[in-house]
Amino acid sequence: IGLEINILRFIPFLTKSIKQKNIEAICEYLVVQAFASSIILFSGFLIYNNYGSINVYCIILSFALITKIGIFPSYY
């Protein structure tokens, strides 16, 4: 999460000569990646502490990892 949030402060430097549509895509990418990172941390915490069914949390963790690497169906 920290890496994605840290990159947010560099967006003004990245967007000086980029079109508005590309700026929107950059911001959307960073938001999706930060959300996936938080899901990875949260599901890892739940698996570690054995809350509920481990299989459900493993599926959530797998989907978050798929989102991080951009595999179908989670890419946009």
N, C-alpha and C. Protein backbone atom coordinates (compact mmCIF):
# COMPACT_ATOMS: atom_id res chain seq x y z
N ILE A 1 0.84 -1.18 0.00
CA ILE A 1 0.00 0.00 0.00
C ILE A 1 0.88 1.24 0.00
N GLY A 2 1.95 1.18 0.74
CA GLY A 2 2.82 2.34 0.86
C GLY A 2 3.42 2.78 -0.46
N LEU A 3 3.77 1.81 -1.30
CA LEU A 3 4.37 2.16 -2.58
C LEU A 3 3.38 2.90 -3.47
N GLU A 4 2.13 2.42 -3.51
CA GLU A 4 1.13 3.07 -4.35
C GLU A 4 0.80 4.47 -3.82
N ILE A 5 0.70 4.60 -2.52
CA ILE A 5 0.40 5.91 -1.93
C ILE A 5 1.59 6.86 -2.13
N ASN A 6 2.79 6.33 -2.04
CA ASN A 6 3.99 7.14 -2.23
C ASN A 6 4.08 7.65 -3.66
N ILE A 7 3.65 6.86 -4.62
CA ILE A 7 3.70 7.27 -6.03
C ILE A 7 2.70 8.38 -6.32
N LEU A 8 1.64 8.48 -5.53
CA LEU A 8 0.64 9.52 -5.77
C LEU A 8 1.23 10.92 -5.75
N ARG A 9 2.25 11.14 -4.96
CA ARG A 9 2.82 12.49 -4.93
C ARG A 9 3.65 12.80 -6.17
N PHE A 10 3.98 11.79 -6.97
CA PHE A 10 4.73 12.01 -8.20
C PHE A 10 3.83 12.20 -9.41
N ILE A 11 2.53 12.09 -9.24
CA ILE A 11 1.61 12.25 -10.37
C ILE A 11 1.75 13.61 -11.05
N PRO A 12 1.87 14.71 -10.31
CA PRO A 12 2.04 16.00 -11.01
C PRO A 12 3.28 16.04 -11.92
N PHE A 13 4.35 15.38 -11.52
CA PHE A 13 5.55 15.34 -12.36
C PHE A 13 5.34 14.46 -13.58
N LEU A 14 4.57 13.41 -13.42
CA LEU A 14 4.32 12.49 -14.53
C LEU A 14 3.33 13.05 -15.55
N THR A 15 2.51 13.99 -15.13
CA THR A 15 1.40 14.43 -15.96
C THR A 15 1.61 15.79 -16.62
N LYS A 16 2.79 16.30 -16.64
CA LYS A 16 3.00 17.63 -17.22
C LYS A 16 2.71 17.66 -18.72
N SER A 17 3.06 16.62 -19.43
CA SER A 17 2.85 16.64 -20.88
C SER A 17 1.98 15.47 -21.34
N ILE A 18 1.09 15.02 -20.48
CA ILE A 18 0.24 13.88 -20.80
C ILE A 18 -1.21 14.35 -20.93
N LYS A 19 -1.96 13.70 -21.80
CA LYS A 19 -3.36 14.05 -22.01
C LYS A 19 -4.20 13.70 -20.79
N GLN A 20 -5.37 14.32 -20.70
CA GLN A 20 -6.27 14.13 -19.56
C GLN A 20 -6.70 12.67 -19.42
N LYS A 21 -6.93 12.00 -20.53
CA LYS A 21 -7.36 10.60 -20.48
C LYS A 21 -6.27 9.71 -19.87
N ASN A 22 -5.03 10.00 -20.18
CA ASN A 22 -3.92 9.23 -19.61
C ASN A 22 -3.76 9.49 -18.12
N ILE A 23 -3.99 10.71 -17.70
CA ILE A 23 -3.92 11.05 -16.28
C ILE A 23 -4.97 10.26 -15.51
N GLU A 24 -6.16 10.17 -16.07
CA GLU A 24 -7.23 9.41 -15.44
C GLU A 24 -6.85 7.93 -15.34
N ALA A 25 -6.24 7.39 -16.36
CA ALA A 25 -5.82 5.99 -16.35
C ALA A 25 -4.74 5.74 -15.30
N ILE A 26 -3.81 6.67 -15.16
CA ILE A 26 -2.75 6.54 -14.16
C ILE A 26 -3.35 6.52 -12.76
N CYS A 27 -4.25 7.44 -12.50
CA CYS A 27 -4.89 7.51 -11.17
C CYS A 27 -5.73 6.27 -10.90
N GLU A 28 -6.45 5.80 -11.90
CA GLU A 28 -7.26 4.60 -11.73
C GLU A 28 -6.38 3.38 -11.46
N TYR A 29 -5.28 3.28 -12.16
CA TYR A 29 -4.35 2.18 -11.94
C TYR A 29 -3.83 2.19 -10.51
N LEU A 30 -3.43 3.35 -10.02
CA LEU A 30 -2.89 3.44 -8.67
C LEU A 30 -3.93 3.12 -7.61
N VAL A 31 -5.17 3.54 -7.83
CA VAL A 31 -6.23 3.24 -6.87
C VAL A 31 -6.52 1.74 -6.84
N VAL A 32 -6.59 1.12 -8.00
CA VAL A 32 -6.84 -0.33 -8.07
C VAL A 32 -5.70 -1.10 -7.41
N GLN A 33 -4.47 -0.70 -7.66
CA GLN A 33 -3.33 -1.39 -7.07
C GLN A 33 -3.28 -1.20 -5.55
N ALA A 34 -3.61 -0.02 -5.07
CA ALA A 34 -3.64 0.20 -3.62
C ALA A 34 -4.74 -0.62 -2.97
N PHE A 35 -5.89 -0.71 -3.64
CA PHE A 35 -6.99 -1.52 -3.11
C PHE A 35 -6.61 -3.00 -3.07
N ALA A 36 -5.96 -3.49 -4.10
CA ALA A 36 -5.53 -4.89 -4.13
C ALA A 36 -4.49 -5.16 -3.05
N SER A 37 -3.60 -4.22 -2.82
CA SER A 37 -2.61 -4.38 -1.75
C SER A 37 -3.26 -4.46 -0.38
N SER A 38 -4.26 -3.63 -0.17
CA SER A 38 -4.95 -3.67 1.13
C SER A 38 -5.73 -4.97 1.30
N ILE A 39 -6.29 -5.50 0.23
CA ILE A 39 -6.99 -6.79 0.32
C ILE A 39 -6.00 -7.91 0.62
N ILE A 40 -4.82 -7.86 0.03
CA ILE A 40 -3.79 -8.87 0.31
C ILE A 40 -3.41 -8.84 1.79
N LEU A 41 -3.18 -7.65 2.31
CA LEU A 41 -2.83 -7.54 3.73
C LEU A 41 -3.96 -8.02 4.63
N PHE A 42 -5.17 -7.62 4.31
CA PHE A 42 -6.32 -7.99 5.14
C PHE A 42 -6.58 -9.50 5.09
N SER A 43 -6.53 -10.10 3.91
CA SER A 43 -6.78 -11.54 3.83
C SER A 43 -5.64 -12.33 4.47
N GLY A 44 -4.42 -11.84 4.36
CA GLY A 44 -3.32 -12.49 5.06
C GLY A 44 -3.50 -12.45 6.57
N PHE A 45 -3.98 -11.33 7.06
CA PHE A 45 -4.27 -11.21 8.49
C PHE A 45 -5.36 -12.19 8.91
N LEU A 46 -6.41 -12.30 8.11
CA LEU A 46 -7.51 -13.21 8.45
C LEU A 46 -7.08 -14.67 8.39
N ILE A 47 -6.26 -15.01 7.41
CA ILE A 47 -5.75 -16.38 7.32
C ILE A 47 -4.85 -16.69 8.51
N TYR A 48 -4.00 -15.76 8.87
CA TYR A 48 -3.08 -15.96 9.99
C TYR A 48 -3.82 -16.16 11.31
N ASN A 49 -4.91 -15.42 11.50
CA ASN A 49 -5.65 -15.50 12.75
C ASN A 49 -6.79 -16.51 12.73
N ASN A 50 -6.95 -17.25 11.64
CA ASN A 50 -7.96 -18.30 11.51
C ASN A 50 -9.38 -17.82 11.79
N TYR A 51 -9.76 -16.70 11.20
CA TYR A 51 -11.14 -16.23 11.31
C TYR A 51 -11.96 -16.89 10.22
N GLY A 52 -12.95 -17.68 10.58
CA GLY A 52 -13.86 -18.26 9.60
C GLY A 52 -13.21 -19.32 8.73
N SER A 53 -13.72 -19.44 7.52
CA SER A 53 -13.26 -20.46 6.59
C SER A 53 -11.99 -20.01 5.86
N ILE A 54 -10.98 -20.82 5.94
CA ILE A 54 -9.70 -20.50 5.30
C ILE A 54 -9.85 -20.49 3.78
N ASN A 55 -10.70 -21.36 3.24
CA ASN A 55 -10.86 -21.44 1.79
C ASN A 55 -11.37 -20.14 1.19
N VAL A 56 -12.30 -19.50 1.87
CA VAL A 56 -12.84 -18.23 1.38
C VAL A 56 -11.75 -17.17 1.35
N TYR A 57 -10.95 -17.12 2.39
CA TYR A 57 -9.89 -16.12 2.46
C TYR A 57 -8.78 -16.40 1.45
N CYS A 58 -8.55 -17.67 1.16
CA CYS A 58 -7.56 -18.00 0.13
C CYS A 58 -8.06 -17.57 -1.25
N ILE A 59 -9.35 -17.69 -1.48
CA ILE A 59 -9.92 -17.23 -2.75
C ILE A 59 -9.80 -15.71 -2.86
N ILE A 60 -10.09 -15.02 -1.77
CA ILE A 60 -9.96 -13.56 -1.78
C ILE A 60 -8.51 -13.16 -2.00
N LEU A 61 -7.59 -13.84 -1.34
CA LEU A 61 -6.17 -13.57 -1.53
C LEU A 61 -5.75 -13.83 -2.97
N SER A 62 -6.23 -14.91 -3.54
CA SER A 62 -5.90 -15.23 -4.93
C SER A 62 -6.42 -14.17 -5.88
N PHE A 63 -7.65 -13.70 -5.66
CA PHE A 63 -8.19 -12.66 -6.53
C PHE A 63 -7.40 -11.36 -6.40
N ALA A 64 -6.97 -11.04 -5.18
CA ALA A 64 -6.17 -9.83 -5.00
C ALA A 64 -4.82 -9.95 -5.71
N LEU A 65 -4.21 -11.12 -5.65
CA LEU A 65 -2.95 -11.32 -6.36
C LEU A 65 -3.14 -11.27 -7.88
N ILE A 66 -4.25 -11.82 -8.35
CA ILE A 66 -4.56 -11.75 -9.77
C ILE A 66 -4.75 -10.29 -10.20
N THR A 67 -5.38 -9.51 -9.34
CA THR A 67 -5.55 -8.08 -9.64
C THR A 67 -4.21 -7.37 -9.70
N LYS A 68 -3.31 -7.71 -8.79
CA LYS A 68 -2.00 -7.06 -8.77
C LYS A 68 -1.20 -7.33 -10.04
N ILE A 69 -1.31 -8.54 -10.59
CA ILE A 69 -0.53 -8.83 -11.79
C ILE A 69 -1.31 -8.63 -13.08
N GLY A 70 -2.59 -8.31 -12.97
CA GLY A 70 -3.37 -7.92 -14.14
C GLY A 70 -3.85 -9.04 -15.03
N ILE A 71 -4.15 -10.18 -14.47
CA ILE A 71 -4.66 -11.31 -15.25
C ILE A 71 -6.17 -11.19 -15.38
N PHE A 72 -6.70 -11.68 -16.50
CA PHE A 72 -8.15 -11.72 -16.71
C PHE A 72 -8.80 -12.45 -15.54
N PRO A 73 -9.90 -12.04 -15.01
CA PRO A 73 -10.86 -11.02 -15.38
C PRO A 73 -10.69 -9.71 -14.63
N SER A 74 -9.57 -9.51 -13.97
CA SER A 74 -9.46 -8.33 -13.11
C SER A 74 -8.74 -7.15 -13.74
N TYR A 75 -8.31 -7.26 -14.98
CA TYR A 75 -7.70 -6.09 -15.61
C TYR A 75 -8.80 -5.21 -16.18
N TYR A 76 -8.47 -3.99 -16.47
CA TYR A 76 -9.47 -3.07 -17.00
C TYR A 76 -8.97 -2.42 -18.25
